[in-house]
Amino acid sequence: MSHKAGFVNIIGNPNVGKSTLMNAFVGERLSIITSKAQTTRHRILGIVNGEDFQVVLSDTPGIIKPAYELQASMMDFVKSAFEDADVLLYLVELGEKELKDEAFFTKIRNAKIPVLLLINKIDKGNEELLGAALQLWSEKVPNAEVFAISALENFGVEEVFKRIIEVLPDSPPFYPKDQLTDKPERFFVNEIVREKILMHYKKEIPYSVEIETEEFFEEDTIIRMRSVIMVERDSQKGIIIGHKGTALKRVGVEARKDLEKFFGKQVHLELYVKVNKNWRSDQKQLRRFGYNQK
């Protein structure tokens, strides 16, 4: 029996539902999902195995024009997604008409690999809108196969996944068959804490935050974790902690509940807040947090 395997990279503008689609394919919450743009900062691999296939999915940050070093590093992850892709998933939202970066758009139209263009969030529109979108994107990206989906409602996702398997190259698996992702456990602790901050804080606060899990001790019945929330200014530290620590406590309680679901056992989570001035523009700090790894 022949075996198929390959890298399937998901790209698109911010907030088009890339993380929701990734999680729908994998069947696990690997990518954090919020209503805010730029939720995904790293390139996250999710691995789906079958008897005769291995699909290595890659969720990348949304395509933006970088305003500071962190965002430039995020776009490096997107560029790398073009370099090793066997199949490209270009995700657009119903009603969307263009990609924010023309150079990326040109790459998609000239791609030599299979391109599946997915019109997402069709549950938010009607047949007239969908018909116009199908015609628009078929003309804009003639090299792509166009699918209409709702990642949130899991509509059309199975059809797309079957097509992915069909166009994958013949290859042995790249990763062990029981592996779900390429990221270590601490990465998902960081991401779940960051998700709660994205949900509960406004304006610049969520984008000024980075999480670092300094301790992760797993025992038979409990995992003990200690994570630091880093902010850029003293004023942000006060906002994160909140009056008498109530805001930070809410983040901790909600993160712990999700972590217990993710790891399948009891979790003890300690959260601290530190000021790390201008880390988003500091090359050394960005490398420390897993960015700028060229």
C-alpha atoms as a PDB file:
ATOM      1  CA  MET A   1       0.000   0.000   0.000  1.00  0.00           C
ATOM      2  CA  SER A   2       1.396   3.414  -0.955  1.00  0.00           C
ATOM      3  CA  HIS A   3       1.680   6.090   1.721  1.00  0.00           C
ATOM      4  CA  LYS A   4       1.062   9.820   1.257  1.00  0.00           C
ATOM      5  CA  ALA A   5       2.558  12.588   3.380  1.00  0.00           C
ATOM      6  CA  GLY A   6       3.188  16.289   3.040  1.00  0.00           C
ATOM      7  CA  PHE A   7       3.113  19.792   4.479  1.00  0.00           C
ATOM      8  CA  VAL A   8      -0.180  21.652   4.077  1.00  0.00           C
ATOM      9  CA  ASN A   9       0.228  25.332   4.882  1.00  0.00           C
ATOM     10  CA  ILE A  10      -2.693  27.618   5.765  1.00  0.00           C
ATOM     11  CA  ILE A  11      -2.317  31.315   4.916  1.00  0.00           C
ATOM     12  CA  GLY A  12      -4.611  34.339   4.751  1.00  0.00           C
ATOM     13  CA  ASN A  13      -5.361  37.739   6.257  1.00  0.00           C
ATOM     14  CA  PRO A  14      -5.873  38.080  10.038  1.00  0.00           C
ATOM     15  CA  ASN A  15      -9.216  36.912  11.457  1.00  0.00           C
ATOM     16  CA  VAL A  16     -10.257  34.738   8.497  1.00  0.00           C
ATOM     17  CA  GLY A  17     -10.477  31.627  10.699  1.00  0.00           C
ATOM     18  CA  LYS A  18      -7.157  29.857  10.027  1.00  0.00           C
ATOM     19  CA  SER A  19      -6.816  28.638  13.615  1.00  0.00           C
ATOM     20  CA  THR A  20     -10.423  27.408  13.713  1.00  0.00           C
ATOM     21  CA  LEU A  21      -9.812  25.433  10.516  1.00  0.00           C
ATOM     22  CA  MET A  22      -6.539  23.992  11.823  1.00  0.00           C
ATOM     23  CA  ASN A  23      -8.230  22.811  15.015  1.00  0.00           C
ATOM     24  CA  ALA A  24     -11.137  21.346  13.025  1.00  0.00           C
ATOM     25  CA  PHE A  25      -8.715  19.283  10.930  1.00  0.00           C
ATOM     26  CA  VAL A  26      -6.629  18.087  13.892  1.00  0.00           C
ATOM     27  CA  GLY A  27      -9.517  17.560  16.310  1.00  0.00           C
ATOM     28  CA  GLU A  28      -7.599  19.312  19.104  1.00  0.00           C
ATOM     29  CA  ARG A  29      -7.203  22.934  20.238  1.00  0.00           C
ATOM     30  CA  LEU A  30      -3.637  23.567  19.100  1.00  0.00           C
ATOM     31  CA  SER A  31      -4.107  27.149  17.875  1.00  0.00           C
ATOM     32  CA  ILE A  32      -5.699  29.787  20.082  1.00  0.00           C
ATOM     33  CA  ILE A  33      -8.833  31.450  18.775  1.00  0.00           C
ATOM     34  CA  THR A  34     -10.132  34.901  19.695  1.00  0.00           C
ATOM     35  CA  SER A  35     -11.993  37.678  17.879  1.00  0.00           C
ATOM     36  CA  LYS A  36      -8.850  39.843  17.893  1.00  0.00           C
ATOM     37  CA  ALA A  37      -6.449  40.056  14.935  1.00  0.00           C
ATOM     38  CA  GLN A  38      -2.874  38.690  15.126  1.00  0.00           C
ATOM     39  CA  THR A  39      -3.844  35.956  17.595  1.00  0.00           C
ATOM     40  CA  THR A  40      -1.366  33.502  16.037  1.00  0.00           C
ATOM     41  CA  ARG A  41       2.248  34.660  16.448  1.00  0.00           C
ATOM     42  CA  HIS A  42       4.182  31.481  15.696  1.00  0.00           C
ATOM     43  CA  ARG A  43       3.992  28.847  13.022  1.00  0.00           C
ATOM     44  CA  ILE A  44       2.258  25.864  14.646  1.00  0.00           C
ATOM     45  CA  LEU A  45       2.228  22.373  13.162  1.00  0.00           C
ATOM     46  CA  GLY A  46      -0.698  20.016  13.695  1.00  0.00           C
ATOM     47  CA  ILE A  47      -0.267  16.413  12.538  1.00  0.00           C
ATOM     48  CA  VAL A  48      -3.134  14.206  11.333  1.00  0.00           C
ATOM     49  CA  ASN A  49      -2.353  10.536  10.758  1.00  0.00           C
ATOM     50  CA  GLY A  50      -4.242   7.830   8.912  1.00  0.00           C
ATOM     51  CA  GLU A  51      -3.268   4.307   7.966  1.00  0.00           C
ATOM     52  CA  ASP A  52      -1.907   5.433   4.588  1.00  0.00           C
ATOM     53  CA  PHE A  53      -1.365   9.187   5.058  1.00  0.00           C
ATOM     54  CA  GLN A  54       0.172  11.883   7.249  1.00  0.00           C
ATOM     55  CA  VAL A  55      -1.008  15.477   6.851  1.00  0.00           C
ATOM     56  CA  VAL A  56       1.294  18.042   8.494  1.00  0.00           C
ATOM     57  CA  LEU A  57      -0.803  21.196   8.821  1.00  0.00           C
ATOM     58  CA  SER A  58       0.797  24.563   9.420  1.00  0.00           C
ATOM     59  CA  ASP A  59      -1.113  27.501  10.926  1.00  0.00           C
ATOM     60  CA  THR A  60       0.767  30.752  10.286  1.00  0.00           C
ATOM     61  CA  PRO A  61       0.182  34.334  11.487  1.00  0.00           C
ATOM     62  CA  GLY A  62      -2.255  36.438   9.465  1.00  0.00           C
ATOM     63  CA  ILE A  63      -0.660  38.433   6.644  1.00  0.00           C
ATOM     64  CA  ILE A  64      -0.018  42.044   7.723  1.00  0.00           C
ATOM     65  CA  LYS A  65       2.349  44.905   6.940  1.00  0.00           C
ATOM     66  CA  PRO A  66       4.811  44.827   9.878  1.00  0.00           C
ATOM     67  CA  ALA A  67       4.913  47.856  12.190  1.00  0.00           C
ATOM     68  CA  TYR A  68       7.644  46.591  14.560  1.00  0.00           C
ATOM     69  CA  GLU A  69      10.206  43.782  14.903  1.00  0.00           C
ATOM     70  CA  LEU A  70       7.807  41.221  16.380  1.00  0.00           C
ATOM     71  CA  GLN A  71       5.442  41.582  13.420  1.00  0.00           C
ATOM     72  CA  ALA A  72       8.363  41.343  10.971  1.00  0.00           C
ATOM     73  CA  SER A  73       9.342  38.072  12.619  1.00  0.00           C
ATOM     74  CA  MET A  74       5.744  36.848  12.381  1.00  0.00           C
ATOM     75  CA  MET A  75       5.818  37.493   8.621  1.00  0.00           C
ATOM     76  CA  ASP A  76       9.024  35.440   8.372  1.00  0.00           C
ATOM     77  CA  PHE A  77       6.962  32.464   9.571  1.00  0.00           C
ATOM     78  CA  VAL A  78       4.499  33.105   6.720  1.00  0.00           C
ATOM     79  CA  LYS A  79       7.307  33.319   4.142  1.00  0.00           C
ATOM     80  CA  SER A  80       8.730  30.015   5.370  1.00  0.00           C
ATOM     81  CA  ALA A  81       5.305  28.425   4.817  1.00  0.00           C
ATOM     82  CA  PHE A  82       5.780  28.894   1.063  1.00  0.00           C
ATOM     83  CA  GLU A  83       9.180  27.228   1.067  1.00  0.00           C
ATOM     84  CA  ASP A  84       8.239  23.736   2.269  1.00  0.00           C
ATOM     85  CA  ALA A  85       4.549  23.490   1.282  1.00  0.00           C
ATOM     86  CA  ASP A  86       3.298  20.496  -0.713  1.00  0.00           C
ATOM     87  CA  VAL A  87      -0.232  21.919  -0.688  1.00  0.00           C
ATOM     88  CA  LEU A  88      -1.277  25.523  -0.032  1.00  0.00           C
ATOM     89  CA  LEU A  89      -4.584  26.422   1.627  1.00  0.00           C
ATOM     90  CA  TYR A  90      -5.438  30.050   0.934  1.00  0.00           C
ATOM     91  CA  LEU A  91      -8.237  31.036   3.313  1.00  0.00           C
ATOM     92  CA  VAL A  92     -10.463  34.050   2.623  1.00  0.00           C
ATOM     93  CA  GLU A  93     -13.554  35.321   4.426  1.00  0.00           C
ATOM     94  CA  LEU A  94     -16.894  35.637   2.640  1.00  0.00           C
ATOM     95  CA  GLY A  95     -17.024  39.247   1.394  1.00  0.00           C
ATOM     96  CA  GLU A  96     -13.229  39.657   1.375  1.00  0.00           C
ATOM     97  CA  LYS A  97     -11.800  40.856  -1.938  1.00  0.00           C
ATOM     98  CA  GLU A  98      -7.998  40.970  -1.638  1.00  0.00           C
ATOM     99  CA  LEU A  99      -4.907  39.811   0.252  1.00  0.00           C
ATOM    100  CA  LYS A 100      -3.187  42.593   2.202  1.00  0.00           C
ATOM    101  CA  ASP A 101       0.232  41.876   0.654  1.00  0.00           C
ATOM    102  CA  GLU A 102       0.417  41.891  -3.154  1.00  0.00           C
ATOM    103  CA  ALA A 103       3.738  39.991  -3.181  1.00  0.00           C
ATOM    104  CA  PHE A 104       2.144  37.064  -1.317  1.00  0.00           C
ATOM    105  CA  PHE A 105      -0.836  37.164  -3.671  1.00  0.00           C
ATOM    106  CA  THR A 106       1.482  36.947  -6.685  1.00  0.00           C
ATOM    107  CA  LYS A 107       3.219  33.937  -5.101  1.00  0.00           C
ATOM    108  CA  ILE A 108      -0.119  32.190  -4.651  1.00  0.00           C
ATOM    109  CA  ARG A 109      -1.167  32.773  -8.272  1.00  0.00           C
ATOM    110  CA  ASN A 110       2.209  31.496  -9.530  1.00  0.00           C
ATOM    111  CA  ALA A 111       2.457  28.512  -7.173  1.00  0.00           C
ATOM    112  CA  LYS A 112       3.561  25.238  -8.791  1.00  0.00           C
ATOM    113  CA  ILE A 113       1.935  23.168  -6.041  1.00  0.00           C
ATOM    114  CA  PRO A 114      -1.800  22.459  -5.570  1.00  0.00           C
ATOM    115  CA  VAL A 115      -3.668  25.504  -4.197  1.00  0.00           C
ATOM    116  CA  LEU A 116      -7.018  25.079  -2.469  1.00  0.00           C
ATOM    117  CA  LEU A 117      -8.798  28.412  -2.000  1.00  0.00           C
ATOM    118  CA  LEU A 118     -11.294  28.179   0.849  1.00  0.00           C
ATOM    119  CA  ILE A 119     -14.072  30.767   1.222  1.00  0.00           C
ATOM    120  CA  ASN A 120     -14.741  30.615   4.966  1.00  0.00           C
ATOM    121  CA  LYS A 121     -17.614  31.855   7.180  1.00  0.00           C
ATOM    122  CA  ILE A 122     -20.283  31.102   4.575  1.00  0.00           C
ATOM    123  CA  ASP A 123     -22.712  30.697   7.494  1.00  0.00           C
ATOM    124  CA  LYS A 124     -22.543  34.506   7.834  1.00  0.00           C
ATOM    125  CA  GLY A 125     -23.886  35.210   4.329  1.00  0.00           C
ATOM    126  CA  ASN A 126     -26.415  34.143   1.701  1.00  0.00           C
ATOM    127  CA  GLU A 127     -26.440  32.400  -1.695  1.00  0.00           C
ATOM    128  CA  GLU A 128     -26.047  35.667  -3.611  1.00  0.00           C
ATOM    129  CA  LEU A 129     -22.926  36.667  -1.645  1.00  0.00           C
ATOM    130  CA  LEU A 130     -21.477  33.180  -2.003  1.00  0.00           C
ATOM    131  CA  GLY A 131     -22.114  33.066  -5.752  1.00  0.00           C
ATOM    132  CA  ALA A 132     -20.340  36.406  -6.216  1.00  0.00           C
ATOM    133  CA  ALA A 133     -17.412  35.230  -4.058  1.00  0.00           C
ATOM    134  CA  LEU A 134     -17.032  31.961  -5.974  1.00  0.00           C
ATOM    135  CA  GLN A 135     -16.884  33.856  -9.277  1.00  0.00           C
ATOM    136  CA  LEU A 136     -14.506  36.541  -7.936  1.00  0.00           C
ATOM    137  CA  TRP A 137     -11.942  34.145  -6.480  1.00  0.00           C
ATOM    138  CA  SER A 138     -12.114  31.700  -9.416  1.00  0.00           C
ATOM    139  CA  GLU A 139     -11.112  34.608 -11.660  1.00  0.00           C
ATOM    140  CA  LYS A 140      -8.518  36.090  -9.263  1.00  0.00           C
ATOM    141  CA  VAL A 141      -6.736  32.763  -8.596  1.00  0.00           C
ATOM    142  CA  PRO A 142      -7.351  30.593 -11.679  1.00  0.00           C
ATOM    143  CA  ASN A 143      -4.770  28.021 -10.539  1.00  0.00           C
ATOM    144  CA  ALA A 144      -6.775  27.224  -7.389  1.00  0.00           C
ATOM    145  CA  GLU A 145      -9.583  24.804  -6.620  1.00  0.00           C
ATOM    146  CA  VAL A 146     -12.263  26.806  -4.792  1.00  0.00           C
ATOM    147  CA  PHE A 147     -14.269  25.427  -1.837  1.00  0.00           C
ATOM    148  CA  ALA A 148     -16.989  27.045   0.290  1.00  0.00           C
ATOM    149  CA  ILE A 149     -16.698  26.185   3.998  1.00  0.00           C
ATOM    150  CA  SER A 150     -17.584  27.152   7.539  1.00  0.00           C
ATOM    151  CA  ALA A 151     -14.713  26.062   9.783  1.00  0.00           C
ATOM    152  CA  LEU A 152     -16.670  27.048  12.899  1.00  0.00           C
ATOM    153  CA  GLU A 153     -19.717  24.973  11.900  1.00  0.00           C
ATOM    154  CA  ASN A 154     -17.512  22.202  10.436  1.00  0.00           C
ATOM    155  CA  PHE A 155     -19.288  22.561   7.082  1.00  0.00           C
ATOM    156  CA  GLY A 156     -17.279  21.469   4.027  1.00  0.00           C
ATOM    157  CA  VAL A 157     -14.185  20.726   6.146  1.00  0.00           C
ATOM    158  CA  GLU A 158     -14.272  16.957   5.539  1.00  0.00           C
ATOM    159  CA  GLU A 159     -14.559  17.473   1.772  1.00  0.00           C
ATOM    160  CA  VAL A 160     -11.485  19.738   1.801  1.00  0.00           C
ATOM    161  CA  PHE A 161      -9.531  17.249   3.922  1.00  0.00           C
ATOM    162  CA  LYS A 162     -10.321  14.400   1.494  1.00  0.00           C
ATOM    163  CA  ARG A 163      -9.069  16.549  -1.381  1.00  0.00           C
ATOM    164  CA  ILE A 164      -5.866  17.355   0.545  1.00  0.00           C
ATOM    165  CA  ILE A 165      -5.117  13.641   0.908  1.00  0.00           C
ATOM    166  CA  GLU A 166      -5.761  13.105  -2.815  1.00  0.00           C
ATOM    167  CA  VAL A 167      -3.217  15.738  -3.889  1.00  0.00           C
ATOM    168  CA  LEU A 168      -0.511  14.874  -1.334  1.00  0.00           C
ATOM    169  CA  PRO A 169       2.685  13.375  -2.787  1.00  0.00           C
ATOM    170  CA  ASP A 170       3.655   9.763  -2.137  1.00  0.00           C
ATOM    171  CA  SER A 171       6.009   9.847   0.837  1.00  0.00           C
ATOM    172  CA  PRO A 172       6.766   8.079   4.114  1.00  0.00           C
ATOM    173  CA  PRO A 173       5.624   9.945   7.272  1.00  0.00           C
ATOM    174  CA  PHE A 174       7.765  12.862   8.484  1.00  0.00           C
ATOM    175  CA  TYR A 175       6.869  12.449  12.163  1.00  0.00           C
ATOM    176  CA  PRO A 176       6.093   9.505  14.472  1.00  0.00           C
ATOM    177  CA  LYS A 177       2.501   8.376  13.949  1.00  0.00           C
ATOM    178  CA  ASP A 178       1.481   9.161  17.543  1.00  0.00           C
ATOM    179  CA  GLN A 179       2.759  12.757  17.426  1.00  0.00           C
ATOM    180  CA  LEU A 180       0.142  15.528  17.370  1.00  0.00           C
ATOM    181  CA  THR A 181       2.291  18.654  17.005  1.00  0.00           C
ATOM    182  CA  ASP A 182       5.887  19.903  16.812  1.00  0.00           C
ATOM    183  CA  LYS A 183       5.553  22.198  19.847  1.00  0.00           C
ATOM    184  CA  PRO A 184       6.597  21.338  23.444  1.00  0.00           C
ATOM    185  CA  GLU A 185       4.088  21.278  26.300  1.00  0.00           C
ATOM    186  CA  ARG A 186       5.232  24.632  27.717  1.00  0.00           C
ATOM    187  CA  PHE A 187       4.334  26.310  24.413  1.00  0.00           C
ATOM    188  CA  PHE A 188       0.660  25.403  24.889  1.00  0.00           C
ATOM    189  CA  VAL A 189       0.702  26.631  28.486  1.00  0.00           C
ATOM    190  CA  ASN A 190       1.978  29.979  27.168  1.00  0.00           C
ATOM    191  CA  GLU A 191      -0.630  30.087  24.411  1.00  0.00           C
ATOM    192  CA  ILE A 192      -3.589  29.265  26.665  1.00  0.00           C
ATOM    193  CA  VAL A 193      -2.590  31.978  29.160  1.00  0.00           C
ATOM    194  CA  ARG A 194      -2.103  34.443  26.286  1.00  0.00           C
ATOM    195  CA  GLU A 195      -5.532  33.541  24.903  1.00  0.00           C
ATOM    196  CA  LYS A 196      -7.191  34.572  28.193  1.00  0.00           C
ATOM    197  CA  ILE A 197      -5.336  37.896  28.103  1.00  0.00           C
ATOM    198  CA  LEU A 198      -6.495  38.485  24.521  1.00  0.00           C
ATOM    199  CA  MET A 199     -10.062  37.807  25.651  1.00  0.00           C
ATOM    200  CA  HIS A 200     -10.145  40.025  28.738  1.00  0.00           C
ATOM    201  CA  TYR A 201      -7.911  43.040  28.059  1.00  0.00           C
ATOM    202  CA  LYS A 202      -8.366  45.857  25.552  1.00  0.00           C
ATOM    203  CA  LYS A 203      -6.357  48.159  23.302  1.00  0.00           C
ATOM    204  CA  GLU A 204      -2.591  47.575  23.213  1.00  0.00           C
ATOM    205  CA  ILE A 205      -2.330  45.374  26.328  1.00  0.00           C
ATOM    206  CA  PRO A 206      -2.744  41.931  24.653  1.00  0.00           C
ATOM    207  CA  TYR A 207      -0.204  42.786  21.947  1.00  0.00           C
ATOM    208  CA  SER A 208       2.373  43.957  24.504  1.00  0.00           C
ATOM    209  CA  VAL A 209       2.293  40.622  26.342  1.00  0.00           C
ATOM    210  CA  GLU A 210       4.501  37.544  26.057  1.00  0.00           C
ATOM    211  CA  ILE A 211       4.229  34.482  28.289  1.00  0.00           C
ATOM    212  CA  GLU A 212       7.139  32.376  29.513  1.00  0.00           C
ATOM    213  CA  THR A 213       6.543  29.160  31.463  1.00  0.00           C
ATOM    214  CA  GLU A 214       9.534  28.876  33.783  1.00  0.00           C
ATOM    215  CA  GLU A 215       8.512  25.683  35.594  1.00  0.00           C
ATOM    216  CA  PHE A 216       6.598  22.597  34.432  1.00  0.00           C
ATOM    217  CA  PHE A 217       6.663  19.614  36.789  1.00  0.00           C
ATOM    218  CA  GLU A 218       4.446  16.645  35.976  1.00  0.00           C
ATOM    219  CA  GLU A 219       3.526  14.235  38.765  1.00  0.00           C
ATOM    220  CA  ASP A 220       1.203  11.206  38.676  1.00  0.00           C
ATOM    221  CA  THR A 221      -1.992  13.153  39.392  1.00  0.00           C
ATOM    222  CA  ILE A 222      -1.069  16.823  38.936  1.00  0.00           C
ATOM    223  CA  ILE A 223       1.063  19.161  36.808  1.00  0.00           C
ATOM    224  CA  ARG A 224       2.604  22.143  38.601  1.00  0.00           C
ATOM    225  CA  MET A 225       3.356  25.170  36.407  1.00  0.00           C
ATOM    226  CA  ARG A 226       4.789  28.609  36.976  1.00  0.00           C
ATOM    227  CA  SER A 227       4.332  31.155  34.177  1.00  0.00           C
ATOM    228  CA  VAL A 228       5.461  34.750  33.873  1.00  0.00           C
ATOM    229  CA  ILE A 229       3.398  37.338  31.993  1.00  0.00           C
ATOM    230  CA  MET A 230       5.792  39.882  30.498  1.00  0.00           C
ATOM    231  CA  VAL A 231       4.641  43.406  29.633  1.00  0.00           C
ATOM    232  CA  GLU A 232       6.507  46.396  28.204  1.00  0.00           C
ATOM    233  CA  ARG A 233       5.609  49.105  30.755  1.00  0.00           C
ATOM    234  CA  ASP A 234       4.925  49.471  34.494  1.00  0.00           C
ATOM    235  CA  SER A 235       1.433  50.841  33.798  1.00  0.00           C
ATOM    236  CA  GLN A 236       0.587  47.657  31.864  1.00  0.00           C
ATOM    237  CA  LYS A 237       1.656  45.519  34.825  1.00  0.00           C
ATOM    238  CA  GLY A 238      -0.948  47.236  37.012  1.00  0.00           C
ATOM    239  CA  ILE A 239      -3.666  46.714  34.409  1.00  0.00           C
ATOM    240  CA  ILE A 240      -2.856  42.996  34.057  1.00  0.00           C
ATOM    241  CA  ILE A 241      -2.969  42.471  37.844  1.00  0.00           C
ATOM    242  CA  GLY A 242      -6.107  44.584  38.358  1.00  0.00           C
ATOM    243  CA  HIS A 243      -7.650  45.845  41.602  1.00  0.00           C
ATOM    244  CA  LYS A 244      -6.501  43.592  44.453  1.00  0.00           C
ATOM    245  CA  GLY A 245      -5.310  41.052  41.870  1.00  0.00           C
ATOM    246  CA  THR A 246      -8.808  40.220  40.598  1.00  0.00           C
ATOM    247  CA  ALA A 247      -7.989  40.523  36.866  1.00  0.00           C
ATOM    248  CA  LEU A 248      -4.921  38.270  37.111  1.00  0.00           C
ATOM    249  CA  LYS A 249      -6.874  35.751  39.204  1.00  0.00           C
ATOM    250  CA  ARG A 250      -9.562  35.513  36.505  1.00  0.00           C
ATOM    251  CA  VAL A 251      -6.909  34.793  33.854  1.00  0.00           C
ATOM    252  CA  GLY A 252      -5.390  32.114  36.100  1.00  0.00           C
ATOM    253  CA  VAL A 253      -8.698  30.382  36.867  1.00  0.00           C
ATOM    254  CA  GLU A 254      -9.811  30.269  33.221  1.00  0.00           C
ATOM    255  CA  ALA A 255      -6.380  29.181  31.955  1.00  0.00           C
ATOM    256  CA  ARG A 256      -6.186  26.405  34.557  1.00  0.00           C
ATOM    257  CA  LYS A 257      -9.557  24.986  33.457  1.00  0.00           C
ATOM    258  CA  ASP A 258      -8.445  24.859  29.806  1.00  0.00           C
ATOM    259  CA  LEU A 259      -5.049  23.402  30.734  1.00  0.00           C
ATOM    260  CA  GLU A 260      -6.735  20.604  32.695  1.00  0.00           C
ATOM    261  CA  LYS A 261      -8.800  19.743  29.606  1.00  0.00           C
ATOM    262  CA  PHE A 262      -5.725  19.931  27.367  1.00  0.00           C
ATOM    263  CA  PHE A 263      -3.458  17.756  29.535  1.00  0.00           C
ATOM    264  CA  GLY A 264      -6.176  15.513  30.976  1.00  0.00           C
ATOM    265  CA  LYS A 265      -5.145  15.900  34.607  1.00  0.00           C
ATOM    266  CA  GLN A 266      -5.226  18.338  37.533  1.00  0.00           C
ATOM    267  CA  VAL A 267      -3.185  21.541  37.100  1.00  0.00           C
ATOM    268  CA  HIS A 268      -1.695  23.932  39.643  1.00  0.00           C
ATOM    269  CA  LEU A 269      -0.857  27.209  37.883  1.00  0.00           C
ATOM    270  CA  GLU A 270       1.034  30.164  39.368  1.00  0.00           C
ATOM    271  CA  LEU A 271       1.070  33.428  37.422  1.00  0.00           C
ATOM    272  CA  TYR A 272       3.425  36.370  37.889  1.00  0.00           C
ATOM    273  CA  VAL A 273       3.766  39.662  36.018  1.00  0.00           C
ATOM    274  CA  LYS A 274       7.106  41.258  35.073  1.00  0.00           C
ATOM    275  CA  VAL A 275       8.110  44.326  33.071  1.00  0.00           C
ATOM    276  CA  ASN A 276      10.402  43.573  30.119  1.00  0.00           C
ATOM    277  CA  LYS A 277      10.802  46.974  28.451  1.00  0.00           C
ATOM    278  CA  ASN A 278      10.289  47.156  24.662  1.00  0.00           C
ATOM    279  CA  TRP A 279      10.712  43.398  24.164  1.00  0.00           C
ATOM    280  CA  ARG A 280       8.751  43.546  20.874  1.00  0.00           C
ATOM    281  CA  SER A 281      11.534  45.601  19.269  1.00  0.00           C
ATOM    282  CA  ASP A 282      14.503  43.825  20.894  1.00  0.00           C
ATOM    283  CA  GLN A 283      16.134  41.226  18.618  1.00  0.00           C
ATOM    284  CA  LYS A 284      17.735  39.387  21.536  1.00  0.00           C
ATOM    285  CA  GLN A 285      14.434  39.126  23.429  1.00  0.00           C
ATOM    286  CA  LEU A 286      12.562  38.022  20.303  1.00  0.00           C
ATOM    287  CA  ARG A 287      15.042  35.191  19.745  1.00  0.00           C
ATOM    288  CA  ARG A 288      14.610  34.160  23.376  1.00  0.00           C
ATOM    289  CA  PHE A 289      10.839  33.862  22.829  1.00  0.00           C
ATOM    290  CA  GLY A 290      11.214  31.808  19.647  1.00  0.00           C
ATOM    291  CA  TYR A 291      11.026  34.553  17.001  1.00  0.00           C
ATOM    292  CA  ASN A 292      13.722  35.633  14.531  1.00  0.00           C
ATOM    293  CA  GLN A 293      15.113  32.113  14.196  1.00  0.00           C
ATOM    294  CA  LYS A 294      16.655  32.511  10.773  1.00  0.00           C
END
